[in-house]
PDB file of all heavy atoms in Angstrom:
ATOM      1  N   SER A   1     -23.774  -7.789  -1.768  1.00  0.00           N
ATOM      2  CA  SER A   1     -24.143  -6.819  -0.741  1.00  0.00           C
ATOM      3  C   SER A   1     -24.243  -7.473   0.628  1.00  0.00           C
ATOM      4  O   SER A   1     -23.723  -6.969   1.625  1.00  0.00           O
ATOM      5  CB  SER A   1     -25.478  -6.153  -1.104  1.00  0.00           C
ATOM      6  OG  SER A   1     -25.413  -5.488  -2.336  1.00  0.00           O
ATOM      7  N   GLU A   2     -24.932  -8.630   0.669  1.00  0.00           N
ATOM      8  CA  GLU A   2     -25.114  -9.324   1.952  1.00  0.00           C
ATOM      9  C   GLU A   2     -23.779  -9.815   2.498  1.00  0.00           C
ATOM     10  O   GLU A   2     -23.501  -9.725   3.692  1.00  0.00           O
ATOM     11  CB  GLU A   2     -26.063 -10.494   1.761  1.00  0.00           C
ATOM     12  CG  GLU A   2     -26.522 -11.146   3.064  1.00  0.00           C
ATOM     13  CD  GLU A   2     -27.321 -10.191   3.918  1.00  0.00           C
ATOM     14  OE1 GLU A   2     -28.262  -9.569   3.394  1.00  0.00           O
ATOM     15  OE2 GLU A   2     -26.991 -10.064   5.121  1.00  0.00           O
ATOM     16  N   LEU A   3     -22.930 -10.326   1.609  1.00  0.00           N
ATOM     17  CA  LEU A   3     -21.626 -10.835   2.042  1.00  0.00           C
ATOM     18  C   LEU A   3     -20.766  -9.723   2.628  1.00  0.00           C
ATOM     19  O   LEU A   3     -20.189  -9.866   3.712  1.00  0.00           O
ATOM     20  CB  LEU A   3     -20.911 -11.489   0.857  1.00  0.00           C
ATOM     21  CG  LEU A   3     -19.476 -11.960   1.112  1.00  0.00           C
ATOM     22  CD1 LEU A   3     -19.448 -13.040   2.173  1.00  0.00           C
ATOM     23  CD2 LEU A   3     -18.831 -12.449  -0.181  1.00  0.00           C
ATOM     24  N   LEU A   4     -20.675  -8.594   1.929  1.00  0.00           N
ATOM     25  CA  LEU A   4     -19.824  -7.504   2.395  1.00  0.00           C
ATOM     26  C   LEU A   4     -20.353  -6.886   3.680  1.00  0.00           C
ATOM     27  O   LEU A   4     -19.590  -6.512   4.571  1.00  0.00           O
ATOM     28  CB  LEU A   4     -19.695  -6.448   1.303  1.00  0.00           C
ATOM     29  CG  LEU A   4     -18.921  -6.908   0.066  1.00  0.00           C
ATOM     30  CD1 LEU A   4     -18.935  -5.834  -1.007  1.00  0.00           C
ATOM     31  CD2 LEU A   4     -17.494  -7.273   0.432  1.00  0.00           C
ATOM     32  N   HIS A   5     -21.662  -6.777   3.761  1.00  0.00           N
ATOM     33  CA  HIS A   5     -22.258  -6.258   4.993  1.00  0.00           C
ATOM     34  C   HIS A   5     -21.883  -7.147   6.179  1.00  0.00           C
ATOM     35  O   HIS A   5     -21.521  -6.663   7.264  1.00  0.00           O
ATOM     36  CB  HIS A   5     -23.776  -6.185   4.841  1.00  0.00           C
ATOM     37  CG  HIS A   5     -24.495  -5.695   6.055  1.00  0.00           C
ATOM     38  ND1 HIS A   5     -24.473  -4.383   6.457  1.00  0.00           N
ATOM     39  CD2 HIS A   5     -25.245  -6.345   6.971  1.00  0.00           C
ATOM     40  CE1 HIS A   5     -25.187  -4.243   7.559  1.00  0.00           C
ATOM     41  NE2 HIS A   5     -25.664  -5.432   7.889  1.00  0.00           N
ATOM     42  N   SER A   6     -21.939  -8.463   5.995  1.00  0.00           N
ATOM     43  CA  SER A   6     -21.606  -9.400   7.066  1.00  0.00           C
ATOM     44  C   SER A   6     -20.112  -9.390   7.380  1.00  0.00           C
ATOM     45  O   SER A   6     -19.709  -9.490   8.547  1.00  0.00           O
ATOM     46  CB  SER A   6     -22.052 -10.818   6.683  1.00  0.00           C
ATOM     47  OG  SER A   6     -23.448 -10.879   6.504  1.00  0.00           O
ATOM     48  N   LEU A   7     -19.269  -9.286   6.345  1.00  0.00           N
ATOM     49  CA  LEU A   7     -17.828  -9.254   6.584  1.00  0.00           C
ATOM     50  C   LEU A   7     -17.436  -8.040   7.420  1.00  0.00           C
ATOM     51  O   LEU A   7     -16.553  -8.126   8.283  1.00  0.00           O
ATOM     52  CB  LEU A   7     -17.078  -9.246   5.255  1.00  0.00           C
ATOM     53  CG  LEU A   7     -17.036 -10.573   4.487  1.00  0.00           C
ATOM     54  CD1 LEU A   7     -16.354 -10.384   3.139  1.00  0.00           C
ATOM     55  CD2 LEU A   7     -16.323 -11.652   5.303  1.00  0.00           C
ATOM     56  N   GLU A   8     -18.085  -6.917   7.167  1.00  0.00           N
ATOM     57  CA  GLU A   8     -17.786  -5.729   7.976  1.00  0.00           C
ATOM     58  C   GLU A   8     -18.116  -5.965   9.446  1.00  0.00           C
ATOM     59  O   GLU A   8     -17.372  -5.561  10.344  1.00  0.00           O
ATOM     60  CB  GLU A   8     -18.584  -4.528   7.462  1.00  0.00           C
ATOM     61  CG  GLU A   8     -18.025  -3.938   6.192  1.00  0.00           C
ATOM     62  CD  GLU A   8     -18.774  -2.682   5.792  1.00  0.00           C
ATOM     63  OE1 GLU A   8     -20.000  -2.628   5.932  1.00  0.00           O
ATOM     64  OE2 GLU A   8     -18.091  -1.746   5.332  1.00  0.00           O
ATOM     65  N   SER A   9     -19.241  -6.641   9.694  1.00  0.00           N
ATOM     66  CA  SER A   9     -19.619  -6.901  11.080  1.00  0.00           C
ATOM     67  C   SER A   9     -18.689  -7.902  11.753  1.00  0.00           C
ATOM     68  O   SER A   9     -18.592  -7.941  12.986  1.00  0.00           O
ATOM     69  CB  SER A   9     -21.063  -7.416  11.133  1.00  0.00           C
ATOM     70  OG  SER A   9     -21.173  -8.692  10.526  1.00  0.00           O
ATOM     71  N   LEU A  10     -17.999  -8.725  10.938  1.00  0.00           N
ATOM     72  CA  LEU A  10     -17.061  -9.707  11.488  1.00  0.00           C
ATOM     73  C   LEU A  10     -15.648  -9.151  11.643  1.00  0.00           C
ATOM     74  O   LEU A  10     -14.801  -9.769  12.288  1.00  0.00           O
ATOM     75  CB  LEU A  10     -17.014 -10.938  10.576  1.00  0.00           C
ATOM     76  CG  LEU A  10     -18.307 -11.768  10.465  1.00  0.00           C
ATOM     77  CD1 LEU A  10     -18.179 -12.803   9.351  1.00  0.00           C
ATOM     78  CD2 LEU A  10     -18.632 -12.446  11.792  1.00  0.00           C
ATOM     79  N   ASP A  11     -15.393  -7.990  11.056  1.00  0.00           N
ATOM     80  CA  ASP A  11     -14.036  -7.415  11.055  1.00  0.00           C
ATOM     81  C   ASP A  11     -13.830  -6.569  12.305  1.00  0.00           C
ATOM     82  O   ASP A  11     -13.666  -5.349  12.247  1.00  0.00           O
ATOM     83  CB  ASP A  11     -13.845  -6.573   9.792  1.00  0.00           C
ATOM     84  CG  ASP A  11     -12.387  -6.184   9.572  1.00  0.00           C
ATOM     85  OD1 ASP A  11     -11.508  -6.828  10.200  1.00  0.00           O
ATOM     86  OD2 ASP A  11     -12.144  -5.257   8.786  1.00  0.00           O
ATOM     87  N   HIS A  12     -13.825  -7.220  13.459  1.00  0.00           N
ATOM     88  CA  HIS A  12     -13.752  -6.497  14.731  1.00  0.00           C
ATOM     89  C   HIS A  12     -12.428  -5.756  14.898  1.00  0.00           C
ATOM     90  O   HIS A  12     -12.384  -4.660  15.476  1.00  0.00           O
ATOM     91  CB  HIS A  12     -13.948  -7.480  15.901  1.00  0.00           C
ATOM     92  CG  HIS A  12     -15.209  -8.274  15.812  1.00  0.00           C
ATOM     93  ND1 HIS A  12     -16.463  -7.699  15.862  1.00  0.00           N
ATOM     94  CD2 HIS A  12     -15.414  -9.613  15.667  1.00  0.00           C
ATOM     95  CE1 HIS A  12     -17.394  -8.640  15.762  1.00  0.00           C
ATOM     96  NE2 HIS A  12     -16.774  -9.812  15.640  1.00  0.00           N
ATOM     97  N   ASP A  13     -11.332  -6.342  14.409  1.00  0.00           N
ATOM     98  CA  ASP A  13     -10.013  -5.732  14.587  1.00  0.00           C
ATOM     99  C   ASP A  13      -9.554  -4.964  13.352  1.00  0.00           C
ATOM    100  O   ASP A  13      -8.427  -4.445  13.336  1.00  0.00           O
ATOM    101  CB  ASP A  13      -8.979  -6.819  14.931  1.00  0.00           C
ATOM    102  CG  ASP A  13      -9.359  -7.579  16.192  1.00  0.00           C
ATOM    103  OD1 ASP A  13      -9.880  -6.934  17.128  1.00  0.00           O
ATOM    104  OD2 ASP A  13      -9.148  -8.804  16.221  1.00  0.00           O
ATOM    105  N   GLY A  14     -10.365  -4.929  12.323  1.00  0.00           N
ATOM    106  CA  GLY A  14      -9.992  -4.205  11.112  1.00  0.00           C
ATOM    107  C   GLY A  14      -8.835  -4.817  10.366  1.00  0.00           C
ATOM    108  O   GLY A  14      -8.091  -4.092   9.686  1.00  0.00           O
ATOM    109  N   ASP A  15      -8.652  -6.130  10.451  1.00  0.00           N
ATOM    110  CA  ASP A  15      -7.496  -6.761   9.809  1.00  0.00           C
ATOM    111  C   ASP A  15      -7.884  -7.857   8.816  1.00  0.00           C
ATOM    112  O   ASP A  15      -7.094  -8.755   8.535  1.00  0.00           O
ATOM    113  CB  ASP A  15      -6.560  -7.342  10.871  1.00  0.00           C
ATOM    114  CG  ASP A  15      -7.238  -8.370  11.765  1.00  0.00           C
ATOM    115  OD1 ASP A  15      -8.472  -8.573  11.594  1.00  0.00           O
ATOM    116  OD2 ASP A  15      -6.553  -8.971  12.609  1.00  0.00           O
ATOM    117  N   LEU A  16      -9.092  -7.799   8.272  1.00  0.00           N
ATOM    118  CA  LEU A  16      -9.530  -8.814   7.311  1.00  0.00           C
ATOM    119  C   LEU A  16      -9.166  -8.478   5.871  1.00  0.00           C
ATOM    120  O   LEU A  16      -9.608  -9.141   4.947  1.00  0.00           O
ATOM    121  CB  LEU A  16     -11.053  -9.026   7.408  1.00  0.00           C
ATOM    122  CG  LEU A  16     -11.566  -9.712   8.671  1.00  0.00           C
ATOM    123  CD1 LEU A  16     -13.067  -9.953   8.567  1.00  0.00           C
ATOM    124  CD2 LEU A  16     -10.840 -11.014   8.937  1.00  0.00           C
ATOM    125  N   ARG A  17      -8.368  -7.426   5.697  1.00  0.00           N
ATOM    126  CA  ARG A  17      -7.934  -7.021   4.355  1.00  0.00           C
ATOM    127  C   ARG A  17      -9.115  -6.662   3.448  1.00  0.00           C
ATOM    128  O   ARG A  17      -9.120  -6.958   2.252  1.00  0.00           O
ATOM    129  CB  ARG A  17      -7.107  -8.134   3.694  1.00  0.00           C
ATOM    130  CG  ARG A  17      -5.881  -8.541   4.502  1.00  0.00           C
ATOM    131  CD  ARG A  17      -5.159  -9.718   3.877  1.00  0.00           C
ATOM    132  NE  ARG A  17      -4.042 -10.163   4.694  1.00  0.00           N
ATOM    133  CZ  ARG A  17      -3.353 -11.278   4.481  1.00  0.00           C
ATOM    134  NH1 ARG A  17      -3.657 -12.042   3.446  1.00  0.00           N
ATOM    135  NH2 ARG A  17      -2.368 -11.625   5.261  1.00  0.00           N
ATOM    136  N   LEU A  18     -10.117  -6.065   4.060  1.00  0.00           N
ATOM    137  CA  LEU A  18     -11.266  -5.646   3.269  1.00  0.00           C
ATOM    138  C   LEU A  18     -10.913  -4.530   2.294  1.00  0.00           C
ATOM    139  O   LEU A  18     -11.646  -4.301   1.325  1.00  0.00           O
ATOM    140  CB  LEU A  18     -12.410  -5.204   4.188  1.00  0.00           C
ATOM    141  CG  LEU A  18     -12.993  -6.283   5.116  1.00  0.00           C
ATOM    142  CD1 LEU A  18     -14.143  -5.708   5.923  1.00  0.00           C
ATOM    143  CD2 LEU A  18     -13.439  -7.501   4.340  1.00  0.00           C
ATOM    144  N   ASP A  19      -9.797  -3.855   2.569  1.00  0.00           N
ATOM    145  CA  ASP A  19      -9.384  -2.798   1.647  1.00  0.00           C
ATOM    146  C   ASP A  19      -9.055  -3.370   0.269  1.00  0.00           C
ATOM    147  O   ASP A  19      -9.253  -2.716  -0.761  1.00  0.00           O
ATOM    148  CB  ASP A  19      -8.180  -2.045   2.212  1.00  0.00           C
ATOM    149  CG  ASP A  19      -7.021  -2.968   2.542  1.00  0.00           C
ATOM    150  OD1 ASP A  19      -7.277  -4.164   2.817  1.00  0.00           O
ATOM    151  OD2 ASP A  19      -5.877  -2.505   2.536  1.00  0.00           O
ATOM    152  N   ALA A  20      -8.549  -4.624   0.228  1.00  0.00           N
ATOM    153  CA  ALA A  20      -8.245  -5.257  -1.060  1.00  0.00           C
ATOM    154  C   ALA A  20      -9.530  -5.495  -1.850  1.00  0.00           C
ATOM    155  O   ALA A  20      -9.577  -5.306  -3.070  1.00  0.00           O
ATOM    156  CB  ALA A  20      -7.500  -6.571  -0.846  1.00  0.00           C
ATOM    157  N   ILE A  21     -10.576  -5.914  -1.133  1.00  0.00           N
ATOM    158  CA  ILE A  21     -11.870  -6.085  -1.799  1.00  0.00           C
ATOM    159  C   ILE A  21     -12.384  -4.732  -2.268  1.00  0.00           C
ATOM    160  O   ILE A  21     -12.924  -4.592  -3.368  1.00  0.00           O
ATOM    161  CB  ILE A  21     -12.883  -6.766  -0.861  1.00  0.00           C
ATOM    162  CG1 ILE A  21     -12.434  -8.194  -0.543  1.00  0.00           C
ATOM    163  CG2 ILE A  21     -14.268  -6.787  -1.488  1.00  0.00           C
ATOM    164  CD1 ILE A  21     -13.377  -8.958   0.368  1.00  0.00           C
ATOM    165  N   ALA A  22     -12.214  -3.723  -1.419  1.00  0.00           N
ATOM    166  CA  ALA A  22     -12.683  -2.379  -1.774  1.00  0.00           C
ATOM    167  C   ALA A  22     -12.013  -1.880  -3.048  1.00  0.00           C
ATOM    168  O   ALA A  22     -12.624  -1.170  -3.846  1.00  0.00           O
ATOM    169  CB  ALA A  22     -12.408  -1.419  -0.624  1.00  0.00           C
ATOM    170  N   THR A  23     -10.757  -2.278  -3.240  1.00  0.00           N
ATOM    171  CA  THR A  23     -10.027  -1.839  -4.430  1.00  0.00           C
ATOM    172  C   THR A  23     -10.562  -2.501  -5.695  1.00  0.00           C
ATOM    173  O   THR A  23     -10.679  -1.858  -6.746  1.00  0.00           O
ATOM    174  CB  THR A  23      -8.523  -2.155  -4.268  1.00  0.00           C
ATOM    175  OG1 THR A  23      -8.028  -1.485  -3.107  1.00  0.00           O
ATOM    176  CG2 THR A  23      -7.737  -1.707  -5.494  1.00  0.00           C
ATOM    177  N   THR A  24     -10.875  -3.776  -5.601  1.00  0.00           N
ATOM    178  CA  THR A  24     -11.323  -4.516  -6.790  1.00  0.00           C
ATOM    179  C   THR A  24     -12.827  -4.429  -7.023  1.00  0.00           C
ATOM    180  O   THR A  24     -13.293  -4.637  -8.143  1.00  0.00           O
ATOM    181  CB  THR A  24     -10.954  -6.011  -6.660  1.00  0.00           C
ATOM    182  OG1 THR A  24     -11.624  -6.561  -5.508  1.00  0.00           O
ATOM    183  CG2 THR A  24      -9.459  -6.183  -6.498  1.00  0.00           C
ATOM    184  N   LEU A  25     -13.569  -4.081  -5.977  1.00  0.00           N
ATOM    185  CA  LEU A  25     -15.020  -4.158  -6.055  1.00  0.00           C
ATOM    186  C   LEU A  25     -15.655  -3.220  -7.085  1.00  0.00           C
ATOM    187  O   LEU A  25     -16.562  -3.648  -7.822  1.00  0.00           O
ATOM    188  CB  LEU A  25     -15.622  -3.906  -4.664  1.00  0.00           C
ATOM    189  CG  LEU A  25     -17.130  -4.124  -4.534  1.00  0.00           C
ATOM    190  CD1 LEU A  25     -17.499  -5.548  -4.916  1.00  0.00           C
ATOM    191  CD2 LEU A  25     -17.581  -3.820  -3.111  1.00  0.00           C
ATOM    192  N   PRO A  26     -15.245  -1.950  -7.190  1.00  0.00           N
ATOM    193  CA  PRO A  26     -15.938  -1.071  -8.156  1.00  0.00           C
ATOM    194  C   PRO A  26     -15.923  -1.605  -9.584  1.00  0.00           C
ATOM    195  O   PRO A  26     -16.960  -1.651 -10.240  1.00  0.00           O
ATOM    196  CB  PRO A  26     -15.160   0.240  -8.036  1.00  0.00           C
ATOM    197  CG  PRO A  26     -14.613   0.232  -6.650  1.00  0.00           C
ATOM    198  CD  PRO A  26     -14.251  -1.194  -6.390  1.00  0.00           C
ATOM    199  N   ARG A  27     -14.749  -2.037 -10.067  1.00  0.00           N
ATOM    200  CA  ARG A  27     -14.692  -2.561 -11.442  1.00  0.00           C
ATOM    201  C   ARG A  27     -15.480  -3.867 -11.542  1.00  0.00           C
ATOM    202  O   ARG A  27     -16.166  -4.120 -12.540  1.00  0.00           O
ATOM    203  CB  ARG A  27     -13.246  -2.807 -11.860  1.00  0.00           C
ATOM    204  CG  ARG A  27     -12.439  -1.532 -12.088  1.00  0.00           C
ATOM    205  CD  ARG A  27     -11.156  -1.842 -12.832  1.00  0.00           C
ATOM    206  NE  ARG A  27     -11.377  -2.009 -14.261  1.00  0.00           N
ATOM    207  CZ  ARG A  27     -10.580  -2.676 -15.070  1.00  0.00           C
ATOM    208  NH1 ARG A  27      -9.532  -3.304 -14.589  1.00  0.00           N
ATOM    209  NH2 ARG A  27     -10.827  -2.758 -16.358  1.00  0.00           N
ATOM    210  N   PHE A  28     -15.387  -4.703 -10.508  1.00  0.00           N
ATOM    211  CA  PHE A  28     -16.094  -5.981 -10.535  1.00  0.00           C
ATOM    212  C   PHE A  28     -17.607  -5.768 -10.651  1.00  0.00           C
ATOM    213  O   PHE A  28     -18.281  -6.391 -11.479  1.00  0.00           O
ATOM    214  CB  PHE A  28     -15.771  -6.783  -9.271  1.00  0.00           C
ATOM    215  CG  PHE A  28     -16.569  -8.052  -9.129  1.00  0.00           C
ATOM    216  CD1 PHE A  28     -16.358  -9.126  -9.983  1.00  0.00           C
ATOM    217  CD2 PHE A  28     -17.540  -8.173  -8.144  1.00  0.00           C
ATOM    218  CE1 PHE A  28     -17.097 -10.292  -9.852  1.00  0.00           C
ATOM    219  CE2 PHE A  28     -18.279  -9.324  -8.008  1.00  0.00           C
ATOM    220  CZ  PHE A  28     -18.059 -10.397  -8.865  1.00  0.00           C
ATOM    221  N   LEU A  29     -18.148  -4.860  -9.831  1.00  0.00           N
ATOM    222  CA  LEU A  29     -19.588  -4.636  -9.873  1.00  0.00           C
ATOM    223  C   LEU A  29     -20.016  -3.938 -11.157  1.00  0.00           C
ATOM    224  O   LEU A  29     -21.091  -4.220 -11.697  1.00  0.00           O
ATOM    225  CB  LEU A  29     -20.033  -3.826  -8.654  1.00  0.00           C
ATOM    226  CG  LEU A  29     -20.039  -4.584  -7.324  1.00  0.00           C
ATOM    227  CD1 LEU A  29     -20.477  -3.672  -6.196  1.00  0.00           C
ATOM    228  CD2 LEU A  29     -20.946  -5.804  -7.395  1.00  0.00           C
ATOM    229  N   LYS A  30     -19.180  -3.042 -11.645  1.00  0.00           N
ATOM    230  CA  LYS A  30     -19.542  -2.366 -12.889  1.00  0.00           C
ATOM    231  C   LYS A  30     -19.499  -3.327 -14.071  1.00  0.00           C
ATOM    232  O   LYS A  30     -20.252  -3.182 -15.031  1.00  0.00           O
ATOM    233  CB  LYS A  30     -18.637  -1.167 -13.124  1.00  0.00           C
ATOM    234  CG  LYS A  30     -18.981   0.001 -12.203  1.00  0.00           C
ATOM    235  CD  LYS A  30     -18.149   1.224 -12.493  1.00  0.00           C
ATOM    236  CE  LYS A  30     -18.561   2.369 -11.561  1.00  0.00           C
ATOM    237  NZ  LYS A  30     -17.777   3.591 -11.817  1.00  0.00           N
ATOM    238  N   VAL A  31     -18.648  -4.345 -13.987  1.00  0.00           N
ATOM    239  CA  VAL A  31     -18.664  -5.402 -14.994  1.00  0.00           C
ATOM    240  C   VAL A  31     -20.041  -6.069 -15.003  1.00  0.00           C
ATOM    241  O   VAL A  31     -20.588  -6.401 -16.058  1.00  0.00           O
ATOM    242  CB  VAL A  31     -17.566  -6.454 -14.692  1.00  0.00           C
ATOM    243  CG1 VAL A  31     -17.842  -7.755 -15.437  1.00  0.00           C
ATOM    244  CG2 VAL A  31     -16.211  -5.909 -15.089  1.00  0.00           C
ATOM    245  N   ALA A  32     -20.616  -6.231 -13.816  1.00  0.00           N
ATOM    246  CA  ALA A  32     -21.882  -6.944 -13.705  1.00  0.00           C
ATOM    247  C   ALA A  32     -23.096  -6.051 -13.890  1.00  0.00           C
ATOM    248  O   ALA A  32     -24.140  -6.507 -14.340  1.00  0.00           O
ATOM    249  CB  ALA A  32     -21.964  -7.622 -12.338  1.00  0.00           C
ATOM    250  N   LEU A  33     -22.974  -4.751 -13.531  1.00  0.00           N
ATOM    251  CA  LEU A  33     -24.172  -3.927 -13.425  1.00  0.00           C
ATOM    252  C   LEU A  33     -24.353  -2.866 -14.501  1.00  0.00           C
ATOM    253  O   LEU A  33     -25.454  -2.359 -14.677  1.00  0.00           O
ATOM    254  CB  LEU A  33     -24.189  -3.217 -12.061  1.00  0.00           C
ATOM    255  CG  LEU A  33     -24.262  -4.129 -10.838  1.00  0.00           C
ATOM    256  CD1 LEU A  33     -24.160  -3.318  -9.569  1.00  0.00           C
ATOM    257  CD2 LEU A  33     -25.545  -4.926 -10.860  1.00  0.00           C
ATOM    258  N   THR A  34     -23.301  -2.493 -15.205  1.00  0.00           N
ATOM    259  CA  THR A  34     -23.400  -1.370 -16.133  1.00  0.00           C
ATOM    260  C   THR A  34     -23.756  -1.835 -17.528  1.00  0.00           C
ATOM    261  O   THR A  34     -23.135  -2.747 -18.066  1.00  0.00           O
ATOM    262  CB  THR A  34     -22.069  -0.598 -16.170  1.00  0.00           C
ATOM    263  OG1 THR A  34     -21.716  -0.248 -14.838  1.00  0.00           O
ATOM    264  CG2 THR A  34     -22.207   0.675 -16.990  1.00  0.00           C
ATOM    265  N   LYS A  35     -24.732  -1.208 -18.132  1.00  0.00           N
ATOM    266  CA  LYS A  35     -25.148  -1.587 -19.483  1.00  0.00           C
ATOM    267  C   LYS A  35     -24.005  -1.459 -20.482  1.00  0.00           C
ATOM    268  O   LYS A  35     -23.876  -2.249 -21.404  1.00  0.00           O
ATOM    269  CB  LYS A  35     -26.309  -0.698 -19.942  1.00  0.00           C
ATOM    270  CG  LYS A  35     -27.630  -1.059 -19.311  1.00  0.00           C
ATOM    271  CD  LYS A  35     -28.786  -0.388 -20.024  1.00  0.00           C
ATOM    272  CE  LYS A  35     -28.714   1.112 -19.877  1.00  0.00           C
ATOM    273  NZ  LYS A  35     -29.894   1.754 -20.508  1.00  0.00           N
ATOM    274  N   ALA A  36     -23.172  -0.420 -20.281  1.00  0.00           N
ATOM    275  CA  ALA A  36     -22.089  -0.195 -21.244  1.00  0.00           C
ATOM    276  C   ALA A  36     -20.956  -1.184 -21.060  1.00  0.00           C
ATOM    277  O   ALA A  36     -20.101  -1.315 -21.918  1.00  0.00           O
ATOM    278  CB  ALA A  36     -21.552   1.224 -21.105  1.00  0.00           C
ATOM    279  N   VAL A  37     -20.919  -1.863 -19.905  1.00  0.00           N
ATOM    280  CA  VAL A  37     -19.893  -2.880 -19.652  1.00  0.00           C
ATOM    281  C   VAL A  37     -20.632  -4.163 -19.264  1.00  0.00           C
ATOM    282  O   VAL A  37     -20.666  -4.525 -18.105  1.00  0.00           O
ATOM    283  CB  VAL A  37     -18.934  -2.426 -18.527  1.00  0.00           C
ATOM    284  CG1 VAL A  37     -17.728  -3.340 -18.435  1.00  0.00           C
ATOM    285  CG2 VAL A  37     -18.514  -0.985 -18.733  1.00  0.00           C
ATOM    286  N   PRO A  38     -21.257  -4.836 -20.232  1.00  0.00           N
ATOM    287  CA  PRO A  38     -22.287  -5.834 -19.928  1.00  0.00           C
ATOM    288  C   PRO A  38     -21.757  -7.242 -19.690  1.00  0.00           C
ATOM    289  O   PRO A  38     -22.186  -8.181 -20.349  1.00  0.00           O
ATOM    290  CB  PRO A  38     -23.157  -5.788 -21.182  1.00  0.00           C
ATOM    291  CG  PRO A  38     -22.167  -5.519 -22.289  1.00  0.00           C
ATOM    292  CD  PRO A  38     -21.099  -4.643 -21.674  1.00  0.00           C
ATOM    293  N   TRP A  39     -20.803  -7.403 -18.755  1.00  0.00           N
ATOM    294  CA  TRP A  39     -20.245  -8.734 -18.591  1.00  0.00           C
ATOM    295  C   TRP A  39     -20.668  -9.347 -17.263  1.00  0.00           C
ATOM    296  O   TRP A  39     -20.399  -8.809 -16.221  1.00  0.00           O
ATOM    297  CB  TRP A  39     -18.710  -8.695 -18.630  1.00  0.00           C
ATOM    298  CG  TRP A  39     -18.172  -8.062 -19.866  1.00  0.00           C
ATOM    299  CD1 TRP A  39     -17.652  -6.812 -19.979  1.00  0.00           C
ATOM    300  CD2 TRP A  39     -18.100  -8.631 -21.162  1.00  0.00           C
ATOM    301  NE1 TRP A  39     -17.250  -6.562 -21.251  1.00  0.00           N
ATOM    302  CE2 TRP A  39     -17.516  -7.670 -22.013  1.00  0.00           C
ATOM    303  CE3 TRP A  39     -18.471  -9.866 -21.706  1.00  0.00           C
ATOM    304  CZ2 TRP A  39     -17.295  -7.904 -23.358  1.00  0.00           C
ATOM    305  CZ3 TRP A  39     -18.250 -10.093 -23.042  1.00  0.00           C
ATOM    306  CH2 TRP A  39     -17.667  -9.111 -23.848  1.00  0.00           C
ATOM    307  N   THR A  40     -21.351 -10.478 -17.290  1.00  0.00           N
ATOM    308  CA  THR A  40     -21.578 -11.302 -16.106  1.00  0.00           C
ATOM    309  C   THR A  40     -21.944 -12.700 -16.572  1.00  0.00           C
ATOM    310  O   THR A  40     -22.415 -12.874 -17.687  1.00  0.00           O
ATOM    311  CB  THR A  40     -22.687 -10.735 -15.198  1.00  0.00           C
ATOM    312  OG1 THR A  40     -22.736 -11.485 -13.994  1.00  0.00           O
ATOM    313  CG2 THR A  40     -24.054 -10.810 -15.870  1.00  0.00           C
TER     314      THR A  40
END
């Protein structure tokens, strides 16, 4: 959370390819956070 919040503040020109992180992030976090997908 802290990393992504900071990256957004650093992305002044909107060219840090944060969309790629946005694409992978939901599955990545659900791997870590969901009881039914208990991988971390």
